[in-house]
């Protein structure tokens, strides 16, 4: 039996095993690219897991899913979008959308599944949102609810409705990066942790002209290659910093000539310095 050793994987966990420190779940079986989901006793299933160095591969659920990390950083590929979740950021994934979750080092994750009827009340596109202290408190209350809790009874009926309001109204966050699907870019997409090369070098690697690459990125991502590469550097930089990498190492890995150049770039793109960002 898996005990969330692989992110999101639990096979037939008995309801009686639930305690105040263990997430509510009846059963969960994940398989590649096919509908799978917790068997819900009501509108929701909510649980907390600690994940270390894991990769779920692509899968999907019949229910909508809210995912965020209280500590650590989580990276997801949702459809053709690369999504980064530092603490205080959550992703909403509607039902039946293939996604993949990668955790480097360790992350303390919260997951909430909403049944299809409830998910229909929420946006039908994936997006990243800010997690307010209120939303975090709501999720924690759902996680520790008694195993035989009737979700239609107060206060949980109100908490569920409030969680839906929070998801609908939460500020959207620019932590999604469109990933081009053109087969000529497969060598680039196959290495999501490696700094994308300069445009001229990429053209030599894939055997296409710079103009052709520019047209592909504009058509499939809405950005020029340089804009896309800069956004990739932002997301990767946040991920490295949140997982404990020093500014000097992060700066070098992302191809900056100096720490000050990286700090200036980070402040321009995020609105604050790396140090200030980590103190949020």
Protein backbone atom coordinates (compact mmCIF):
# COMPACT_ATOMS: atom_id res chain seq x y z
CA UNK A 1 0.00 0.00 0.00
CA UNK A 2 1.27 3.46 -0.86
CA UNK A 3 1.10 6.16 1.79
CA UNK A 4 1.46 9.14 -0.52
CA UNK A 5 5.08 8.08 -1.04
CA UNK A 6 4.38 8.93 -4.67
CA UNK A 7 2.64 12.28 -4.83
CA UNK A 8 -1.09 11.73 -4.70
CA UNK A 9 -0.91 7.94 -4.64
CA UNK A 10 -3.01 6.09 -2.11
CA UNK A 11 -4.54 2.70 -2.73
CA UNK A 12 -7.67 1.86 -0.77
CA UNK A 13 -6.91 3.59 2.52
CA UNK A 14 -9.65 2.49 4.96
CA UNK A 15 -11.84 5.28 6.25
CA UNK A 16 -11.36 3.99 9.80
CA UNK A 17 -7.67 4.77 9.56
CA UNK A 18 -8.41 8.49 9.65
CA UNK A 19 -7.21 10.49 12.66
CA UNK A 20 -7.07 14.19 13.38
CA UNK A 21 -3.54 14.28 11.89
CA UNK A 22 -4.31 12.19 8.84
CA UNK A 23 -6.08 13.45 5.72
CA UNK A 24 -9.64 12.41 4.96
CA UNK A 25 -9.74 9.97 2.04
CA UNK A 26 -11.67 6.79 1.21
CA UNK A 27 -9.68 5.51 -1.76
CA UNK A 28 -7.38 6.82 -4.44
CA UNK A 29 -5.89 5.14 -7.47
CA UNK A 30 -3.91 7.13 -10.00
CA UNK A 31 -3.13 5.83 -13.47
CA UNK A 32 -1.54 7.45 -16.50
CA UNK A 33 -3.83 9.65 -18.59
CA UNK A 34 -7.10 8.18 -17.47
CA UNK A 35 -9.80 9.38 -15.07
CA UNK A 36 -8.99 8.63 -11.47
CA UNK A 37 -9.97 10.29 -8.24
CA UNK A 38 -10.56 9.85 -4.57
CA UNK A 39 -13.89 8.16 -3.95
CA UNK A 40 -15.68 11.07 -2.35
CA UNK A 41 -18.09 10.65 0.52
CA UNK A 42 -19.54 14.07 -0.31
CA UNK A 43 -18.63 17.24 -2.15
CA UNK A 44 -14.93 17.24 -1.27
CA UNK A 45 -11.92 15.24 -0.22
CA UNK A 46 -9.10 17.17 1.41
CA UNK A 47 -5.74 15.98 2.65
CA UNK A 48 -2.22 17.00 3.58
CA UNK A 49 0.90 15.21 2.39
CA UNK A 50 4.64 15.68 2.72
CA UNK A 51 6.38 14.88 -0.56
CA UNK A 52 10.09 14.45 -1.25
CA UNK A 53 11.72 14.25 -4.69
CA UNK A 54 8.74 12.90 -6.59
CA UNK A 55 7.35 12.91 -10.12
CA UNK A 56 3.78 11.74 -10.70
CA UNK A 57 4.00 11.49 -14.50
CA UNK A 58 0.94 12.65 -16.44
CA UNK A 59 -2.47 11.68 -15.06
CA UNK A 60 -5.92 13.21 -14.68
CA UNK A 61 -8.91 13.16 -12.34
CA UNK A 62 -12.65 13.04 -12.79
CA UNK A 63 -12.91 15.80 -10.17
CA UNK A 64 -11.50 19.31 -9.97
CA UNK A 65 -8.38 19.77 -7.86
CA UNK A 66 -6.88 22.60 -5.84
CA UNK A 67 -3.20 22.13 -4.99
CA UNK A 68 -0.79 24.27 -3.00
CA UNK A 69 2.32 23.89 -0.86
CA UNK A 70 2.48 25.28 2.66
CA UNK A 71 6.26 24.80 2.56
CA UNK A 72 8.55 23.99 -0.33
CA UNK A 73 7.92 24.38 -4.04
CA UNK A 74 5.85 22.32 -6.46
CA UNK A 75 6.08 22.33 -10.24
CA UNK A 76 3.22 21.15 -12.43
CA UNK A 77 2.66 20.73 -16.12
CA UNK A 78 -1.04 21.32 -16.72
CA UNK A 79 -2.02 20.61 -20.30
CA UNK A 80 0.52 22.67 -22.27
CA UNK A 81 1.28 25.05 -19.37
CA UNK A 82 4.26 24.90 -17.02
CA UNK A 83 3.13 25.98 -13.57
CA UNK A 84 5.24 26.85 -10.53
CA UNK A 85 3.80 26.88 -7.02
CA UNK A 86 5.94 28.53 -4.36
CA UNK A 87 4.32 28.84 -0.91
CA UNK A 88 1.12 30.93 -0.84
CA UNK A 89 0.33 30.06 -4.47
CA UNK A 90 -2.22 27.44 -5.54
CA UNK A 91 -3.29 25.98 -8.86
CA UNK A 92 -6.89 25.18 -9.76
CA UNK A 93 -7.13 22.25 -12.20
CA UNK A 94 -10.60 21.53 -13.63
CA UNK A 95 -11.71 17.90 -14.12
CA UNK A 96 -10.21 15.74 -16.87
CA UNK A 97 -7.16 17.91 -17.57
CA UNK A 98 -3.92 15.88 -17.79
CA UNK A 99 -1.25 17.16 -15.43
CA UNK A 100 2.09 16.15 -13.97
CA UNK A 101 3.52 17.16 -10.60
CA UNK A 102 7.23 17.35 -9.77
CA UNK A 103 8.64 18.07 -6.31
CA UNK A 104 12.34 18.75 -5.83
CA UNK A 105 13.61 18.32 -2.29
CA UNK A 106 10.55 18.41 0.00
CA UNK A 107 7.13 20.07 0.02
CA UNK A 108 4.26 20.09 2.51
CA UNK A 109 1.27 19.95 0.17
CA UNK A 110 -2.49 20.46 0.53
CA UNK A 111 -4.92 18.91 -1.95
CA UNK A 112 -8.65 19.50 -2.20
CA UNK A 113 -10.80 17.58 -4.68
CA UNK A 114 -14.26 18.87 -5.59
CA UNK A 115 -16.87 16.60 -7.18
CA UNK A 116 -17.92 17.33 -10.75
CA UNK A 117 -21.12 19.16 -9.80
CA UNK A 118 -19.22 21.46 -7.45
CA UNK A 119 -16.34 21.90 -9.91
CA UNK A 120 -18.84 23.16 -12.50
CA UNK A 121 -19.26 26.26 -10.31
CA UNK A 122 -15.59 27.13 -10.80
CA UNK A 123 -13.60 28.33 -13.83
CA UNK A 124 -13.06 25.69 -16.50
CA UNK A 125 -9.47 26.78 -17.22
CA UNK A 126 -6.45 26.08 -15.04
CA UNK A 127 -4.93 29.08 -13.29
CA UNK A 128 -2.59 30.01 -10.45
CA UNK A 129 -3.99 32.03 -7.57
CA UNK A 130 -2.79 33.62 -4.36
CA UNK A 131 -3.69 31.65 -1.22
CA UNK A 132 -5.08 33.98 1.41
CA UNK A 133 -4.77 33.21 5.13
CA UNK A 134 -8.53 32.60 5.08
CA UNK A 135 -8.27 30.04 2.29
CA UNK A 136 -5.42 28.25 4.02
CA UNK A 137 -7.46 28.07 7.24
CA UNK A 138 -10.48 26.69 5.36
CA UNK A 139 -8.39 23.94 3.77
CA UNK A 140 -6.83 23.00 7.11
CA UNK A 141 -10.32 22.68 8.60
CA UNK A 142 -11.39 20.40 5.73
CA UNK A 143 -8.25 18.28 6.08
CA UNK A 144 -8.83 17.48 9.76
CA UNK A 145 -12.60 16.98 9.51
CA UNK A 146 -13.89 13.73 11.08
CA UNK A 147 -14.05 10.83 8.68
CA UNK A 148 -17.82 10.54 9.04
CA UNK A 149 -18.39 14.28 8.64
CA UNK A 150 -21.56 15.22 6.78
CA UNK A 151 -20.40 18.03 4.48
CA UNK A 152 -23.96 19.34 4.21
CA UNK A 153 -23.99 20.25 7.93
CA UNK A 154 -22.70 23.50 9.44
CA UNK A 155 -20.04 24.74 9.57
CA UNK A 156 -18.61 22.62 6.75
CA UNK A 157 -21.31 23.51 4.23
CA UNK A 158 -20.40 27.16 4.77
CA UNK A 159 -16.66 26.43 4.61
CA UNK A 160 -17.04 24.67 1.27
CA UNK A 161 -19.07 27.54 -0.17
CA UNK A 162 -16.52 30.01 1.17
CA UNK A 163 -13.68 28.03 -0.41
CA UNK A 164 -15.46 28.24 -3.79
CA UNK A 165 -15.81 32.00 -3.36
CA UNK A 166 -12.11 32.29 -2.52
CA UNK A 167 -11.10 30.33 -5.63
CA UNK A 168 -13.32 32.43 -7.88
CA UNK A 169 -12.20 35.77 -6.44
CA UNK A 170 -8.53 35.17 -5.64
CA UNK A 171 -6.00 37.32 -7.52
CA UNK A 172 -4.47 35.44 -10.47
CA UNK A 173 -0.70 35.00 -10.39
CA UNK A 174 1.74 35.03 -13.36
CA UNK A 175 3.21 31.61 -12.59
CA UNK A 176 2.10 29.84 -15.79
CA UNK A 177 4.37 29.44 -18.80
CA UNK A 178 2.91 28.19 -22.10
CA UNK A 179 4.95 25.30 -23.54
CA UNK A 180 5.18 25.08 -27.35
CA UNK A 181 4.14 21.72 -28.78
CA UNK A 182 5.86 21.90 -32.18
CA UNK A 183 7.82 18.66 -32.61
CA UNK A 184 10.90 20.57 -33.78
CA UNK A 185 11.24 21.98 -30.27
CA UNK A 186 11.13 18.56 -28.59
CA UNK A 187 14.85 18.69 -27.60
CA UNK A 188 14.20 21.95 -25.78
CA UNK A 189 11.01 20.78 -24.04
CA UNK A 190 12.68 17.53 -22.95
CA UNK A 191 14.98 19.43 -20.55
CA UNK A 192 12.73 21.66 -18.43
CA UNK A 193 15.46 22.15 -15.78
CA UNK A 194 18.14 23.30 -18.22
CA UNK A 195 18.55 26.96 -19.15
CA UNK A 196 17.13 27.43 -22.67
CA UNK A 197 19.92 28.48 -25.03
CA UNK A 198 20.18 31.78 -26.84
CA UNK A 199 18.11 31.94 -30.01
CA UNK A 200 21.04 31.49 -32.40
CA UNK A 201 22.26 28.41 -30.54
CA UNK A 202 18.76 26.92 -30.47
CA UNK A 203 18.46 27.44 -34.22
CA UNK A 204 21.66 25.45 -34.75
CA UNK A 205 20.52 22.66 -32.43
CA UNK A 206 17.11 22.05 -34.01
CA UNK A 207 18.00 22.98 -37.57
CA UNK A 208 15.48 25.80 -37.99
CA UNK A 209 16.02 29.48 -38.67
CA UNK A 210 15.66 32.08 -35.95
CA UNK A 211 12.67 33.51 -37.80
CA UNK A 212 10.96 30.12 -37.90
CA UNK A 213 11.52 29.63 -34.17
CA UNK A 214 10.17 33.10 -33.49
CA UNK A 215 7.01 32.36 -35.49
CA UNK A 216 6.49 29.07 -33.62
CA UNK A 217 6.75 30.71 -30.21
CA UNK A 218 4.54 33.63 -31.19
CA UNK A 219 1.89 31.27 -32.55
CA UNK A 220 1.95 28.75 -29.71
CA UNK A 221 2.80 30.86 -26.65
CA UNK A 222 1.88 34.42 -27.62
CA UNK A 223 5.47 35.49 -26.83
CA UNK A 224 8.71 35.92 -28.67
CA UNK A 225 11.40 33.36 -27.86
CA UNK A 226 13.31 35.92 -25.83
CA UNK A 227 10.21 36.81 -23.80
CA UNK A 228 9.49 33.13 -23.21
CA UNK A 229 13.09 32.47 -22.16
CA UNK A 230 12.99 35.38 -19.70
CA UNK A 231 9.76 34.10 -18.18
CA UNK A 232 11.33 30.65 -17.86
CA UNK A 233 14.25 32.22 -15.99
CA UNK A 234 11.81 33.92 -13.60
CA UNK A 235 9.99 30.68 -12.77
CA UNK A 236 13.18 28.65 -12.45
CA UNK A 237 14.76 31.36 -10.33
CA UNK A 238 11.82 31.39 -7.92
CA UNK A 239 11.90 27.59 -7.72
CA UNK A 240 15.62 27.50 -6.93
CA UNK A 241 15.40 30.24 -4.31
CA UNK A 242 12.40 28.70 -2.55
CA UNK A 243 14.12 25.32 -2.39
CA UNK A 244 17.11 26.85 -0.63
CA UNK A 245 19.57 27.59 -3.42
CA UNK A 246 21.69 30.69 -2.71
CA UNK A 247 21.45 33.72 -4.96
CA UNK A 248 25.00 33.18 -6.24
CA UNK A 249 24.25 29.62 -7.41
CA UNK A 250 20.88 30.59 -8.86
CA UNK A 251 22.40 33.51 -10.73
CA UNK A 252 25.10 31.32 -12.28
CA UNK A 253 22.68 28.54 -13.24
CA UNK A 254 20.42 31.02 -15.00
CA UNK A 255 23.26 32.49 -17.04
CA UNK A 256 23.63 35.90 -15.40
CA UNK A 257 27.03 37.60 -15.43
CA UNK A 258 26.76 38.60 -11.77
CA UNK A 259 24.55 38.33 -8.71
CA UNK A 260 23.61 41.99 -9.05
CA UNK A 261 22.45 41.43 -12.64
CA UNK A 262 20.19 38.59 -11.47
CA UNK A 263 18.84 40.63 -8.55
CA UNK A 264 18.04 43.53 -10.88
CA UNK A 265 16.32 41.17 -13.35
CA UNK A 266 14.34 39.51 -10.55
CA UNK A 267 13.19 42.84 -9.15
CA UNK A 268 12.13 44.03 -12.59
CA UNK A 269 10.12 40.86 -13.29
CA UNK A 270 8.69 40.10 -9.82
CA UNK A 271 8.58 43.55 -8.25
CA UNK A 272 10.96 42.90 -5.35
CA UNK A 273 14.42 41.52 -4.65
CA UNK A 274 14.99 37.78 -4.05
CA UNK A 275 15.54 38.44 -0.35
CA UNK A 276 12.29 40.36 -0.02
CA UNK A 277 10.43 37.68 -1.96
CA UNK A 278 11.61 34.93 0.40
CA UNK A 279 10.44 36.93 3.42
CA UNK A 280 6.83 37.10 2.17
